[in-house]
Amino acid sequence: MNDFLWGAIAVTSLAIGLRFLRFWRASHERLFAFFAFAFWLFGLQFILLEVFHPPTESRYYFYLFRLAAFLLIIAGIIDKNLAKRRA
């Protein structure tokens, strides 16, 4: 069951990333690009978990992708707020 759910979450994350990429192409708002890359990292993390099936003790290495995705989201929000101040 975990395999099915990880696959579903991976496909959904990649699709959400494509949606944000579409928003970015339409508006050239950098925040959407940050979100697109973040969701692709979420999807990549679940794909890697599915492919490698790591034991529970070493699974935290794969969660570094999730950490990087959250840092991208935070960086995008900070970048968006700093751009408002510059304008």
N, C-alpha and C. Protein backbone atom coordinates (compact mmCIF):
# COMPACT_ATOMS: atom_id res chain seq x y z
N MET A 1 0.82 -1.19 0.00
CA MET A 1 0.00 0.00 0.00
C MET A 1 0.86 1.26 0.00
N ASN A 2 1.97 1.22 0.74
CA ASN A 2 2.88 2.37 0.75
C ASN A 2 3.42 2.67 -0.64
N ASP A 3 3.72 1.61 -1.39
CA ASP A 3 4.25 1.82 -2.74
C ASP A 3 3.25 2.58 -3.60
N PHE A 4 2.00 2.19 -3.53
CA PHE A 4 0.96 2.85 -4.31
C PHE A 4 0.82 4.31 -3.89
N LEU A 5 0.80 4.56 -2.58
CA LEU A 5 0.64 5.93 -2.10
C LEU A 5 1.84 6.80 -2.44
N TRP A 6 3.05 6.25 -2.32
CA TRP A 6 4.24 7.02 -2.69
C TRP A 6 4.22 7.37 -4.17
N GLY A 7 3.78 6.43 -5.00
CA GLY A 7 3.67 6.70 -6.43
C GLY A 7 2.63 7.77 -6.72
N ALA A 8 1.50 7.69 -6.05
CA ALA A 8 0.44 8.69 -6.25
C ALA A 8 0.90 10.07 -5.81
N ILE A 9 1.57 10.14 -4.68
CA ILE A 9 2.07 11.43 -4.19
C ILE A 9 3.14 11.97 -5.14
N ALA A 10 4.00 11.10 -5.67
CA ALA A 10 5.04 11.55 -6.59
C ALA A 10 4.44 12.13 -7.87
N VAL A 11 3.47 11.44 -8.44
CA VAL A 11 2.83 11.91 -9.67
C VAL A 11 2.10 13.22 -9.42
N THR A 12 1.42 13.31 -8.29
CA THR A 12 0.70 14.54 -7.96
C THR A 12 1.66 15.70 -7.77
N SER A 13 2.77 15.46 -7.09
CA SER A 13 3.75 16.52 -6.87
C SER A 13 4.36 17.01 -8.19
N LEU A 14 4.66 16.07 -9.07
CA LEU A 14 5.21 16.47 -10.37
C LEU A 14 4.18 17.25 -11.19
N ALA A 15 2.92 16.86 -11.11
CA ALA A 15 1.86 17.58 -11.83
C ALA A 15 1.67 18.98 -11.26
N ILE A 16 1.73 19.12 -9.95
CA ILE A 16 1.61 20.44 -9.33
C ILE A 16 2.80 21.31 -9.75
N GLY A 17 3.99 20.71 -9.84
CA GLY A 17 5.16 21.45 -10.31
C GLY A 17 4.97 21.96 -11.73
N LEU A 18 4.38 21.13 -12.59
CA LEU A 18 4.10 21.57 -13.96
C LEU A 18 3.08 22.70 -13.98
N ARG A 19 2.12 22.64 -13.09
CA ARG A 19 1.11 23.71 -13.01
C ARG A 19 1.76 25.04 -12.61
N PHE A 20 2.64 24.98 -11.61
CA PHE A 20 3.35 26.20 -11.21
C PHE A 20 4.27 26.70 -12.32
N LEU A 21 4.86 25.78 -13.09
CA LEU A 21 5.69 26.20 -14.22
C LEU A 21 4.83 26.94 -15.25
N ARG A 22 3.61 26.48 -15.44
CA ARG A 22 2.70 27.16 -16.36
C ARG A 22 2.37 28.57 -15.86
N PHE A 23 2.14 28.70 -14.55
CA PHE A 23 1.89 30.03 -13.98
C PHE A 23 3.11 30.93 -14.16
N TRP A 24 4.30 30.35 -13.98
CA TRP A 24 5.52 31.14 -14.12
C TRP A 24 5.69 31.62 -15.56
N ARG A 25 5.42 30.75 -16.53
CA ARG A 25 5.56 31.14 -17.93
C ARG A 25 4.58 32.22 -18.31
N ALA A 26 3.41 32.24 -17.68
CA ALA A 26 2.39 33.24 -18.00
C ALA A 26 2.70 34.59 -17.35
N SER A 27 3.24 34.57 -16.14
CA SER A 27 3.41 35.82 -15.40
C SER A 27 4.86 36.23 -15.17
N HIS A 28 5.80 35.32 -15.37
CA HIS A 28 7.22 35.56 -15.10
C HIS A 28 7.46 36.00 -13.65
N GLU A 29 6.64 35.50 -12.77
CA GLU A 29 6.75 35.73 -11.34
C GLU A 29 7.69 34.65 -10.78
N ARG A 30 8.81 35.07 -10.22
CA ARG A 30 9.82 34.10 -9.79
C ARG A 30 9.33 33.18 -8.68
N LEU A 31 8.36 33.62 -7.91
CA LEU A 31 7.81 32.79 -6.84
C LEU A 31 7.26 31.48 -7.40
N PHE A 32 6.62 31.54 -8.56
CA PHE A 32 6.06 30.33 -9.16
C PHE A 32 7.17 29.36 -9.58
N ALA A 33 8.30 29.89 -10.04
CA ALA A 33 9.43 29.02 -10.39
C ALA A 33 9.98 28.32 -9.16
N PHE A 34 10.09 29.04 -8.05
CA PHE A 34 10.55 28.43 -6.80
C PHE A 34 9.60 27.31 -6.38
N PHE A 35 8.30 27.56 -6.47
CA PHE A 35 7.33 26.55 -6.09
C PHE A 35 7.39 25.35 -7.03
N ALA A 36 7.58 25.58 -8.32
CA ALA A 36 7.67 24.47 -9.27
C ALA A 36 8.85 23.56 -8.94
N PHE A 37 10.01 24.14 -8.71
CA PHE A 37 11.19 23.33 -8.37
C PHE A 37 11.01 22.62 -7.03
N ALA A 38 10.36 23.28 -6.08
CA ALA A 38 10.13 22.66 -4.78
C ALA A 38 9.23 21.43 -4.92
N PHE A 39 8.17 21.54 -5.70
CA PHE A 39 7.28 20.39 -5.85
C PHE A 39 7.93 19.28 -6.66
N TRP A 40 8.82 19.63 -7.57
CA TRP A 40 9.56 18.58 -8.27
C TRP A 40 10.50 17.85 -7.32
N LEU A 41 11.07 18.58 -6.37
CA LEU A 41 11.90 17.91 -5.36
C LEU A 41 11.07 17.00 -4.47
N PHE A 42 9.85 17.43 -4.12
CA PHE A 42 8.96 16.55 -3.36
C PHE A 42 8.69 15.26 -4.15
N GLY A 43 8.39 15.40 -5.43
CA GLY A 43 8.14 14.24 -6.26
C GLY A 43 9.36 13.34 -6.39
N LEU A 44 10.52 13.95 -6.56
CA LEU A 44 11.76 13.18 -6.67
C LEU A 44 12.03 12.39 -5.40
N GLN A 45 11.75 12.98 -4.26
CA GLN A 45 11.96 12.29 -2.99
C GLN A 45 11.11 11.03 -2.91
N PHE A 46 9.85 11.13 -3.29
CA PHE A 46 8.98 9.96 -3.22
C PHE A 46 9.33 8.92 -4.28
N ILE A 47 9.82 9.36 -5.43
CA ILE A 47 10.27 8.40 -6.45
C ILE A 47 11.49 7.64 -5.95
N LEU A 48 12.43 8.35 -5.33
CA LEU A 48 13.62 7.69 -4.81
C LEU A 48 13.27 6.73 -3.67
N LEU A 49 12.33 7.10 -2.81
CA LEU A 49 11.89 6.19 -1.76
C LEU A 49 11.29 4.92 -2.37
N GLU A 50 10.54 5.09 -3.43
CA GLU A 50 9.89 3.94 -4.08
C GLU A 50 10.92 3.04 -4.76
N VAL A 51 11.89 3.64 -5.42
CA VAL A 51 12.86 2.85 -6.19
C VAL A 51 13.83 2.11 -5.27
N PHE A 52 14.33 2.78 -4.25
CA PHE A 52 15.39 2.19 -3.44
C PHE A 52 14.90 1.45 -2.20
N HIS A 53 13.70 1.72 -1.73
CA HIS A 53 13.17 1.08 -0.53
C HIS A 53 14.22 1.01 0.59
N PRO A 54 14.68 2.17 1.06
CA PRO A 54 15.72 2.14 2.09
C PRO A 54 15.17 1.64 3.42
N PRO A 55 16.04 1.04 4.23
CA PRO A 55 15.57 0.66 5.57
C PRO A 55 15.24 1.91 6.39
N THR A 56 14.48 1.75 7.41
CA THR A 56 14.01 2.88 8.20
C THR A 56 15.15 3.70 8.77
N GLU A 57 16.25 3.06 9.14
CA GLU A 57 17.37 3.77 9.76
C GLU A 57 18.05 4.74 8.82
N SER A 58 18.09 4.45 7.52
CA SER A 58 18.79 5.32 6.56
C SER A 58 17.83 6.12 5.69
N ARG A 59 16.57 6.13 6.02
CA ARG A 59 15.59 6.85 5.21
C ARG A 59 15.75 8.37 5.30
N TYR A 60 16.39 8.85 6.36
CA TYR A 60 16.50 10.30 6.55
C TYR A 60 17.34 10.96 5.47
N TYR A 61 18.20 10.23 4.79
CA TYR A 61 18.96 10.82 3.68
C TYR A 61 18.01 11.30 2.58
N PHE A 62 16.96 10.57 2.35
CA PHE A 62 16.01 10.93 1.30
C PHE A 62 15.16 12.13 1.70
N TYR A 63 15.04 12.36 2.99
CA TYR A 63 14.26 13.51 3.44
C TYR A 63 15.04 14.82 3.30
N LEU A 64 16.30 14.75 2.94
CA LEU A 64 17.06 15.97 2.63
C LEU A 64 16.49 16.66 1.40
N PHE A 65 15.89 15.87 0.48
CA PHE A 65 15.22 16.48 -0.68
C PHE A 65 14.02 17.30 -0.22
N ARG A 66 13.30 16.79 0.76
CA ARG A 66 12.15 17.52 1.28
C ARG A 66 12.61 18.80 1.99
N LEU A 67 13.71 18.71 2.73
CA LEU A 67 14.26 19.90 3.38
C LEU A 67 14.65 20.95 2.35
N ALA A 68 15.29 20.51 1.27
CA ALA A 68 15.68 21.44 0.20
C ALA A 68 14.44 22.08 -0.44
N ALA A 69 13.37 21.31 -0.59
CA ALA A 69 12.14 21.85 -1.17
C ALA A 69 11.53 22.92 -0.27
N PHE A 70 11.49 22.65 1.03
CA PHE A 70 10.95 23.66 1.94
C PHE A 70 11.83 24.90 1.99
N LEU A 71 13.13 24.72 1.90
CA LEU A 71 14.03 25.88 1.85
C LEU A 71 13.82 26.68 0.58
N LEU A 72 13.53 26.01 -0.53
CA LEU A 72 13.21 26.72 -1.77
C LEU A 72 11.94 27.55 -1.64
N ILE A 73 10.94 26.98 -0.98
CA ILE A 73 9.70 27.72 -0.78
C ILE A 73 9.95 28.95 0.08
N ILE A 74 10.71 28.78 1.15
CA ILE A 74 11.03 29.92 2.02
C ILE A 74 11.83 30.96 1.26
N ALA A 75 12.80 30.52 0.45
CA ALA A 75 13.60 31.47 -0.34
C ALA A 75 12.72 32.22 -1.34
N GLY A 76 11.76 31.53 -1.93
CA GLY A 76 10.85 32.19 -2.87
C GLY A 76 10.00 33.24 -2.20
N ILE A 77 9.51 32.95 -1.00
CA ILE A 77 8.69 33.92 -0.27
C ILE A 77 9.53 35.12 0.13
N ILE A 78 10.74 34.88 0.60
CA ILE A 78 11.63 35.99 0.96
C ILE A 78 11.97 36.83 -0.26
N ASP A 79 12.25 36.17 -1.38
CA ASP A 79 12.56 36.88 -2.62
C ASP A 79 11.38 37.74 -3.06
N LYS A 80 10.18 37.21 -2.94
CA LYS A 80 8.98 37.95 -3.32
C LYS A 80 8.79 39.18 -2.43
N ASN A 81 9.00 39.03 -1.13
CA ASN A 81 8.84 40.15 -0.21
C ASN A 81 9.93 41.20 -0.40
N LEU A 82 11.14 40.78 -0.71
CA LEU A 82 12.22 41.75 -0.95
C LEU A 82 11.98 42.50 -2.26
N ALA A 83 11.38 41.85 -3.24
CA ALA A 83 11.09 42.52 -4.51
C ALA A 83 10.04 43.61 -4.32
N LYS A 84 9.09 43.39 -3.42
CA LYS A 84 8.08 44.42 -3.14
C LYS A 84 8.74 45.64 -2.51
N ARG A 85 9.71 45.43 -1.65
CA ARG A 85 10.37 46.55 -0.99
C ARG A 85 11.22 47.35 -1.95
N ARG A 86 11.83 46.67 -2.92
CA ARG A 86 12.67 47.36 -3.90
C ARG A 86 11.84 48.21 -4.87
N ALA A 87 10.63 47.77 -5.12
CA ALA A 87 9.78 48.47 -6.11
C ALA A 87 9.14 49.73 -5.57
